[in-house]
């Protein structure tokens, strides 16, 4: 409509980013489970958010590379996992990925005044 386009990225790059992201997420989970303080501070929601974030990556990788016997089923799982992630986004700590910008602006605006009205 406006003449803008988004060039496609190479499939190998997308695969590499997905694998690196999954490895990093596993490392973060292991760190969370082995550190006593992080384990104490972690609740059910933290592990749910981790799973909801990892599932689209895993199912997308498996579906795209045809690593399961039934491609259609894996694609359906991938779509379902993305929809679950999007449905959980506003109700979990994932919302901080969006609202941190507004929060930083608001906090900076309030503290920038230093009690003096302008």
Protein backbone atom coordinates (compact mmCIF):
# COMPACT_ATOMS: atom_id res chain seq x y z
CA UNK A 1 0.00 0.00 0.00
CA UNK A 2 2.78 2.44 0.92
CA UNK A 3 5.54 0.84 -1.17
CA UNK A 4 7.49 -0.40 1.85
CA UNK A 5 8.78 -3.94 1.92
CA UNK A 6 10.49 -6.22 4.38
CA UNK A 7 13.18 -8.38 2.79
CA UNK A 8 13.16 -12.02 3.76
CA UNK A 9 15.97 -13.37 5.91
CA UNK A 10 17.80 -16.56 4.91
CA UNK A 11 16.31 -19.74 6.37
CA UNK A 12 19.71 -20.78 7.72
CA UNK A 13 19.92 -17.56 9.73
CA UNK A 14 16.42 -18.04 11.17
CA UNK A 15 17.29 -21.65 12.11
CA UNK A 16 20.53 -20.55 13.76
CA UNK A 17 18.80 -17.82 15.76
CA UNK A 18 16.10 -20.26 16.89
CA UNK A 19 18.67 -22.84 18.03
CA UNK A 20 20.82 -20.26 19.82
CA UNK A 21 17.74 -18.81 21.50
CA UNK A 22 16.57 -22.23 22.67
CA UNK A 23 20.04 -23.04 24.03
CA UNK A 24 20.12 -19.68 25.84
CA UNK A 25 16.66 -20.30 27.28
CA UNK A 26 17.71 -23.72 28.55
CA UNK A 27 20.81 -22.16 30.13
CA UNK A 28 18.65 -19.52 31.83
CA UNK A 29 16.27 -22.21 33.10
CA UNK A 30 19.14 -24.31 34.46
CA UNK A 31 20.57 -21.22 36.15
CA UNK A 32 17.17 -20.44 37.66
CA UNK A 33 16.79 -24.01 38.95
CA UNK A 34 20.31 -24.30 40.40
CA UNK A 35 20.57 -20.89 42.07
CA UNK A 36 18.80 -21.10 45.44
CA UNK A 37 17.79 -17.43 45.49
CA UNK A 38 16.36 -17.47 41.96
CA UNK A 39 14.61 -20.75 42.65
CA UNK A 40 13.04 -19.28 45.82
CA UNK A 41 11.88 -16.17 43.96
CA UNK A 42 10.48 -18.11 40.99
CA UNK A 43 6.85 -19.07 40.96
CA UNK A 44 4.58 -21.05 38.68
CA UNK A 45 4.06 -18.04 36.40
CA UNK A 46 7.79 -17.74 35.71
CA UNK A 47 8.02 -21.32 34.50
CA UNK A 48 4.77 -20.99 32.53
CA UNK A 49 6.10 -17.89 30.76
CA UNK A 50 9.34 -19.72 30.01
CA UNK A 51 7.44 -22.62 28.46
CA UNK A 52 5.10 -20.34 26.51
CA UNK A 53 8.11 -18.51 25.08
CA UNK A 54 10.08 -21.65 24.21
CA UNK A 55 7.22 -23.61 22.62
CA UNK A 56 6.80 -21.44 19.50
CA UNK A 57 10.54 -21.57 18.88
CA UNK A 58 10.72 -25.33 19.28
CA UNK A 59 7.57 -26.18 17.33
CA UNK A 60 8.45 -23.73 14.56
CA UNK A 61 11.92 -25.21 14.21
CA UNK A 62 10.57 -28.76 14.17
CA UNK A 63 7.82 -27.93 11.68
CA UNK A 64 9.99 -25.94 9.27
CA UNK A 65 12.73 -28.56 9.14
CA UNK A 66 10.22 -31.46 8.90
CA UNK A 67 11.74 -33.22 11.91
CA UNK A 68 8.48 -34.89 12.92
CA UNK A 69 6.48 -37.50 11.02
CA UNK A 70 3.35 -35.35 10.70
CA UNK A 71 4.10 -31.85 9.38
CA UNK A 72 0.48 -30.70 9.55
CA UNK A 73 0.16 -31.62 13.22
CA UNK A 74 3.42 -29.87 14.12
CA UNK A 75 2.36 -26.77 12.19
CA UNK A 76 -0.95 -26.78 14.09
CA UNK A 77 0.95 -27.09 17.39
CA UNK A 78 3.17 -24.20 16.33
CA UNK A 79 0.19 -21.98 15.52
CA UNK A 80 -1.51 -22.97 18.78
CA UNK A 81 1.64 -22.24 20.81
CA UNK A 82 1.97 -18.78 19.24
CA UNK A 83 -1.70 -18.08 19.97
CA UNK A 84 -1.24 -19.19 23.59
CA UNK A 85 1.78 -16.90 23.91
CA UNK A 86 -0.18 -13.97 22.52
CA UNK A 87 -3.16 -14.72 24.76
CA UNK A 88 -0.96 -14.91 27.87
CA UNK A 89 1.05 -11.80 26.99
CA UNK A 90 -1.16 -9.16 28.64
CA UNK A 91 -1.76 -11.22 31.78
CA UNK A 92 1.81 -12.28 32.63
CA UNK A 93 5.19 -10.70 33.22
CA UNK A 94 5.71 -10.80 29.46
CA UNK A 95 3.75 -7.54 29.31
CA UNK A 96 6.86 -5.82 30.67
CA UNK A 97 8.39 -6.31 27.22
CA UNK A 98 5.91 -3.71 25.97
CA UNK A 99 5.12 -1.52 28.96
CA UNK A 100 8.73 -0.85 29.99
CA UNK A 101 8.89 1.96 27.42
CA UNK A 102 5.87 3.72 28.91
CA UNK A 103 7.13 3.09 32.44
CA UNK A 104 10.58 4.49 31.68
CA UNK A 105 9.05 7.57 30.06
CA UNK A 106 6.66 8.17 32.95
CA UNK A 107 9.34 7.66 35.62
CA UNK A 108 11.77 9.91 33.78
CA UNK A 109 9.11 12.57 33.36
CA UNK A 110 8.16 12.51 37.04
CA UNK A 111 11.73 12.46 38.39
CA UNK A 112 12.91 14.99 35.81
CA UNK A 113 10.72 17.67 37.42
CA UNK A 114 12.35 17.30 40.82
CA UNK A 115 9.23 18.63 42.50
CA UNK A 116 9.04 21.82 40.48
CA UNK A 117 5.97 22.33 38.32
CA UNK A 118 6.70 23.62 34.84
